[in-house]
């Protein structure tokens, strides 16, 4: 079977626990690059053994950050780029969906939102909140925006929690509903440390109104209302656990909803103390 004509980029730093699982799920794609920030573990050795192209990255403390640097610098085999995190895994169903899109020729959209299904305590959660990000797009038609966050602690070399933007606002963005698997909660200690850092960054982004607009109007309106709202943690919990049916996932659904609310409390705390 022909390979999918997409260049996959996996950005890494010390991901030896995840990288093999991730790369094993990407074998149907024609071009796979691992862009590594000089890992001190076996990430690069594992990725090289599995046949990925390795690119080393050192951030100079300025823009472009890591993802846009990739778009500006790397030698791509294809114009369509798929961003996959090392703790993400593609299922046969989502691979089949992406294959079907490109089997029809070059997509007319400039990119696609893609959903992530979280794995909690070894089980895929079927309900609750899902991550939905523009991860597959035409590199000629989209770019990661520059935001004035270089003096903000938190994210560092990687672009933060905002979407790439269209170069032409009339271009369409599609939605792939078949989810990929996201093993973000495998290491609870790492999750906590990472989100403490993210929360400090997000609090400053909110305080200084630095977020670029979301490409979907209703999402932007919702974010505008909720970001600085004191009741945000409670609303997020109710949305995740009740409205989105998280309670149907049992103990894992409750733990997940509480973790989302906890992150919002971290942002609120950081906002108050910054």
Protein backbone atom coordinates (compact mmCIF):
# COMPACT_ATOMS: atom_id res chain seq x y z
CA UNK A 1 0.00 0.00 0.00
CA UNK A 2 1.29 3.46 -0.88
CA UNK A 3 2.50 5.72 1.90
CA UNK A 4 0.42 8.75 2.88
CA UNK A 5 1.98 11.85 1.22
CA UNK A 6 2.47 13.85 4.42
CA UNK A 7 5.57 14.94 6.34
CA UNK A 8 5.17 14.05 10.01
CA UNK A 9 7.07 16.04 12.64
CA UNK A 10 7.49 14.73 16.18
CA UNK A 11 9.09 17.32 18.48
CA UNK A 12 10.94 15.76 21.38
CA UNK A 13 13.07 16.26 24.46
CA UNK A 14 13.74 13.27 26.71
CA UNK A 15 10.85 11.16 25.42
CA UNK A 16 12.43 7.70 25.56
CA UNK A 17 9.38 6.35 27.40
CA UNK A 18 7.03 7.40 24.59
CA UNK A 19 8.87 7.71 21.30
CA UNK A 20 8.85 4.06 20.17
CA UNK A 21 5.10 3.72 20.76
CA UNK A 22 4.48 6.95 18.86
CA UNK A 23 6.71 6.14 15.87
CA UNK A 24 5.31 2.63 15.60
CA UNK A 25 1.92 4.17 14.83
CA UNK A 26 3.29 6.39 12.04
CA UNK A 27 4.68 3.79 9.63
CA UNK A 28 1.99 4.53 7.03
CA UNK A 29 3.35 8.04 6.43
CA UNK A 30 5.91 8.73 3.73
CA UNK A 31 8.18 11.10 5.67
CA UNK A 32 8.84 11.15 9.42
CA UNK A 33 11.13 13.64 11.17
CA UNK A 34 11.99 13.77 14.86
CA UNK A 35 13.08 17.30 15.82
CA UNK A 36 14.93 16.86 19.09
CA UNK A 37 16.13 19.45 21.59
CA UNK A 38 19.31 17.56 22.52
CA UNK A 39 17.74 14.89 24.69
CA UNK A 40 19.96 13.40 27.37
CA UNK A 41 18.19 10.02 27.33
CA UNK A 42 17.77 7.42 24.54
CA UNK A 43 15.13 9.33 22.56
CA UNK A 44 17.34 9.95 19.53
CA UNK A 45 18.87 6.47 19.52
CA UNK A 46 15.42 4.85 19.57
CA UNK A 47 14.05 7.17 16.89
CA UNK A 48 17.05 6.63 14.62
CA UNK A 49 16.81 2.85 15.07
CA UNK A 50 13.18 3.05 13.99
CA UNK A 51 14.09 4.85 10.79
CA UNK A 52 13.06 8.42 11.57
CA UNK A 53 15.03 11.34 10.21
CA UNK A 54 16.67 13.18 13.12
CA UNK A 55 17.03 16.97 13.27
CA UNK A 56 18.66 18.73 16.22
CA UNK A 57 17.18 21.98 17.47
CA UNK A 58 18.62 24.65 19.74
CA UNK A 59 16.40 27.57 20.65
CA UNK A 60 18.07 30.99 20.58
CA UNK A 61 15.54 32.58 22.91
CA UNK A 62 13.74 34.47 20.15
CA UNK A 63 11.11 33.89 17.51
CA UNK A 64 10.58 31.69 15.59
CA UNK A 65 10.03 29.09 18.25
CA UNK A 66 10.38 25.38 17.60
CA UNK A 67 7.38 24.59 15.40
CA UNK A 68 7.66 27.64 13.17
CA UNK A 69 11.41 27.08 12.99
CA UNK A 70 10.62 23.65 11.57
CA UNK A 71 8.35 25.18 8.93
CA UNK A 72 10.98 27.77 8.03
CA UNK A 73 14.02 25.49 8.05
CA UNK A 74 13.38 21.81 7.38
CA UNK A 75 13.60 20.10 4.02
CA UNK A 76 10.08 18.78 3.62
CA UNK A 77 9.18 16.05 1.20
CA UNK A 78 5.55 17.19 1.16
CA UNK A 79 3.61 20.41 1.60
CA UNK A 80 1.21 18.87 4.10
CA UNK A 81 2.61 18.62 7.62
CA UNK A 82 1.27 16.55 10.51
CA UNK A 83 2.36 17.52 14.04
CA UNK A 84 2.35 14.56 16.43
CA UNK A 85 3.45 14.76 20.07
CA UNK A 86 5.59 11.94 21.40
CA UNK A 87 2.86 10.95 23.86
CA UNK A 88 0.30 10.58 21.06
CA UNK A 89 -0.54 7.41 19.14
CA UNK A 90 -2.50 7.01 15.92
CA UNK A 91 -5.07 4.25 15.66
CA UNK A 92 -5.79 2.28 12.47
CA UNK A 93 -9.09 4.16 12.24
CA UNK A 94 -7.54 7.62 12.12
CA UNK A 95 -4.86 6.46 9.70
CA UNK A 96 -7.59 5.17 7.42
CA UNK A 97 -9.40 8.50 7.68
CA UNK A 98 -6.30 10.52 6.78
CA UNK A 99 -5.49 8.11 3.96
CA UNK A 100 -8.98 8.57 2.54
CA UNK A 101 -8.60 12.36 2.56
CA UNK A 102 -5.39 12.26 0.52
CA UNK A 103 -6.61 9.47 -1.75
CA UNK A 104 -8.94 12.09 -3.24
CA UNK A 105 -6.02 14.35 -4.16
CA UNK A 106 -4.70 17.44 -2.41
CA UNK A 107 -7.30 18.62 0.13
CA UNK A 108 -9.02 21.90 -0.65
CA UNK A 109 -8.86 22.87 3.04
CA UNK A 110 -5.79 24.61 4.45
CA UNK A 111 -5.79 22.38 7.53
CA UNK A 112 -7.76 20.11 9.85
CA UNK A 113 -8.66 20.15 13.50
CA UNK A 114 -7.89 16.78 15.09
CA UNK A 115 -9.25 15.39 18.33
CA UNK A 116 -7.32 13.62 21.04
CA UNK A 117 -8.79 10.89 23.22
CA UNK A 118 -7.06 10.82 26.59
CA UNK A 119 -5.73 7.60 28.09
CA UNK A 120 -6.25 7.57 31.86
CA UNK A 121 -5.01 4.68 34.01
CA UNK A 122 -4.49 2.63 30.86
CA UNK A 123 -8.01 3.15 29.54
CA UNK A 124 -9.19 5.35 26.68
CA UNK A 125 -11.79 7.80 27.95
CA UNK A 126 -14.85 7.86 25.72
CA UNK A 127 -16.44 10.97 27.22
CA UNK A 128 -15.52 14.25 28.85
CA UNK A 129 -13.47 17.04 27.31
CA UNK A 130 -11.34 16.32 24.27
CA UNK A 131 -8.31 18.13 22.95
CA UNK A 132 -9.04 19.60 19.50
CA UNK A 133 -6.15 21.23 17.69
CA UNK A 134 -5.04 22.05 14.16
CA UNK A 135 -2.38 19.38 13.77
CA UNK A 136 -2.56 18.61 10.05
CA UNK A 137 -2.16 21.49 7.60
CA UNK A 138 -0.66 22.81 4.40
CA UNK A 139 2.59 24.52 5.40
CA UNK A 140 2.17 27.01 2.54
CA UNK A 141 -1.15 28.23 3.93
CA UNK A 142 -0.74 28.33 7.72
CA UNK A 143 1.85 29.52 10.22
CA UNK A 144 2.32 29.78 13.98
CA UNK A 145 1.74 33.35 15.14
CA UNK A 146 4.24 35.47 17.02
CA UNK A 147 2.96 36.47 20.44
CA UNK A 148 4.82 38.73 22.83
CA UNK A 149 5.57 36.06 25.45
CA UNK A 150 9.37 35.94 25.43
CA UNK A 151 9.53 37.52 28.90
CA UNK A 152 6.92 35.15 30.33
CA UNK A 153 7.98 32.07 32.27
CA UNK A 154 6.43 28.80 31.25
CA UNK A 155 6.51 27.59 27.68
CA UNK A 156 10.08 28.32 26.54
CA UNK A 157 11.13 26.98 23.16
CA UNK A 158 7.74 25.66 22.10
CA UNK A 159 4.76 27.64 20.91
CA UNK A 160 2.05 27.68 23.55
CA UNK A 161 -1.56 26.56 23.69
CA UNK A 162 -2.88 28.43 20.69
CA UNK A 163 -3.67 27.46 17.13
CA UNK A 164 -1.68 28.15 13.96
CA UNK A 165 -3.29 30.86 11.85
CA UNK A 166 -4.39 31.01 8.23
CA UNK A 167 -2.42 33.18 5.85
CA UNK A 168 -5.64 33.72 3.92
CA UNK A 169 -8.73 34.03 6.12
CA UNK A 170 -10.99 32.74 3.35
CA UNK A 171 -9.33 29.30 3.43
CA UNK A 172 -11.38 26.57 5.07
CA UNK A 173 -10.35 24.48 8.07
CA UNK A 174 -11.81 20.98 8.26
CA UNK A 175 -12.50 18.65 11.18
CA UNK A 176 -11.34 15.06 11.54
CA UNK A 177 -13.61 13.49 14.15
CA UNK A 178 -11.78 10.16 14.49
CA UNK A 179 -9.54 10.68 17.55
CA UNK A 180 -5.91 9.88 18.14
CA UNK A 181 -4.82 8.55 21.54
CA UNK A 182 -3.13 10.89 24.00
CA UNK A 183 -1.08 9.36 26.83
CA UNK A 184 -0.64 12.65 28.66
CA UNK A 185 -1.36 11.20 32.11
CA UNK A 186 1.06 8.27 32.14
CA UNK A 187 3.42 10.13 34.48
CA UNK A 188 1.37 12.06 37.04
CA UNK A 189 4.41 13.78 38.55
CA UNK A 190 5.52 15.03 35.15
CA UNK A 191 1.95 16.09 34.32
CA UNK A 192 1.75 18.17 37.50
CA UNK A 193 5.12 19.85 36.94
CA UNK A 194 4.32 20.58 33.30
CA UNK A 195 0.95 22.12 34.09
CA UNK A 196 2.31 24.22 36.94
CA UNK A 197 4.58 25.75 34.30
CA UNK A 198 1.83 26.08 31.72
CA UNK A 199 -0.45 27.78 34.25
CA UNK A 200 2.09 30.53 34.98
CA UNK A 201 2.45 31.16 31.27
CA UNK A 202 -1.32 31.17 30.64
CA UNK A 203 -1.98 33.58 33.51
CA UNK A 204 0.38 36.12 31.99
CA UNK A 205 -1.05 35.56 28.51
CA UNK A 206 -4.51 36.36 29.90
CA UNK A 207 -3.34 39.34 31.94
CA UNK A 208 -1.67 40.99 28.93
CA UNK A 209 -4.26 39.83 26.37
CA UNK A 210 -1.64 38.11 24.22
CA UNK A 211 -3.59 35.16 22.83
CA UNK A 212 -4.07 35.23 19.05
CA UNK A 213 -7.71 34.83 17.98
CA UNK A 214 -9.01 31.32 17.54
CA UNK A 215 -9.92 30.58 13.91
CA UNK A 216 -13.39 29.39 14.99
CA UNK A 217 -15.61 32.28 16.10
CA UNK A 218 -17.65 30.42 18.74
CA UNK A 219 -14.50 28.97 20.30
CA UNK A 220 -12.98 32.44 20.48
CA UNK A 221 -16.10 33.87 22.11
CA UNK A 222 -16.14 31.09 24.70
CA UNK A 223 -12.45 31.51 25.49
CA UNK A 224 -12.86 35.26 25.86
CA UNK A 225 -15.62 34.78 28.44
CA UNK A 226 -14.00 31.98 30.41
CA UNK A 227 -10.30 32.82 30.56
CA UNK A 228 -10.55 35.45 33.26
CA UNK A 229 -13.73 34.15 34.94
CA UNK A 230 -13.37 33.26 38.62
CA UNK A 231 -15.79 30.33 38.30
CA UNK A 232 -13.91 28.80 35.37
CA UNK A 233 -12.63 25.73 37.32
CA UNK A 234 -16.17 24.79 38.38
CA UNK A 235 -17.60 25.36 34.91
CA UNK A 236 -14.84 23.25 33.36
CA UNK A 237 -15.52 20.43 35.81
CA UNK A 238 -19.28 20.47 35.17
CA UNK A 239 -18.76 20.66 31.42
CA UNK A 240 -16.29 17.76 31.45
CA UNK A 241 -17.96 15.48 33.99
CA UNK A 242 -21.67 16.19 33.49
CA UNK A 243 -22.41 17.84 30.13
CA UNK A 244 -19.79 15.81 28.23
CA UNK A 245 -20.68 12.62 30.05
CA UNK A 246 -17.39 12.10 31.88
CA UNK A 247 -19.28 10.28 34.64
CA UNK A 248 -19.85 7.45 32.15
CA UNK A 249 -16.12 6.69 32.25
CA UNK A 250 -16.29 5.83 35.95
CA UNK A 251 -13.38 6.60 38.23
CA UNK A 252 -11.17 7.61 35.32
CA UNK A 253 -13.74 10.11 34.12
CA UNK A 254 -13.95 11.70 37.57
CA UNK A 255 -10.17 11.87 37.94
CA UNK A 256 -9.85 13.42 34.51
CA UNK A 257 -12.51 16.06 35.15
CA UNK A 258 -10.88 16.94 38.48
CA UNK A 259 -7.50 17.27 36.76
CA UNK A 260 -8.95 19.74 34.23
CA UNK A 261 -10.51 21.78 37.03
CA UNK A 262 -7.27 21.65 39.00
CA UNK A 263 -5.37 23.13 36.07
CA UNK A 264 -7.84 26.03 35.97
CA UNK A 265 -7.24 26.59 39.68
CA UNK A 266 -3.50 26.71 38.96
CA UNK A 267 -4.08 29.38 36.32
CA UNK A 268 -6.29 31.34 38.71
CA UNK A 269 -3.68 31.12 41.47
CA UNK A 270 -0.89 32.19 39.11
CA UNK A 271 -3.02 35.09 37.88
CA UNK A 272 -3.50 36.33 41.43
CA UNK A 273 0.17 36.12 42.36
CA UNK A 274 1.73 37.37 39.11
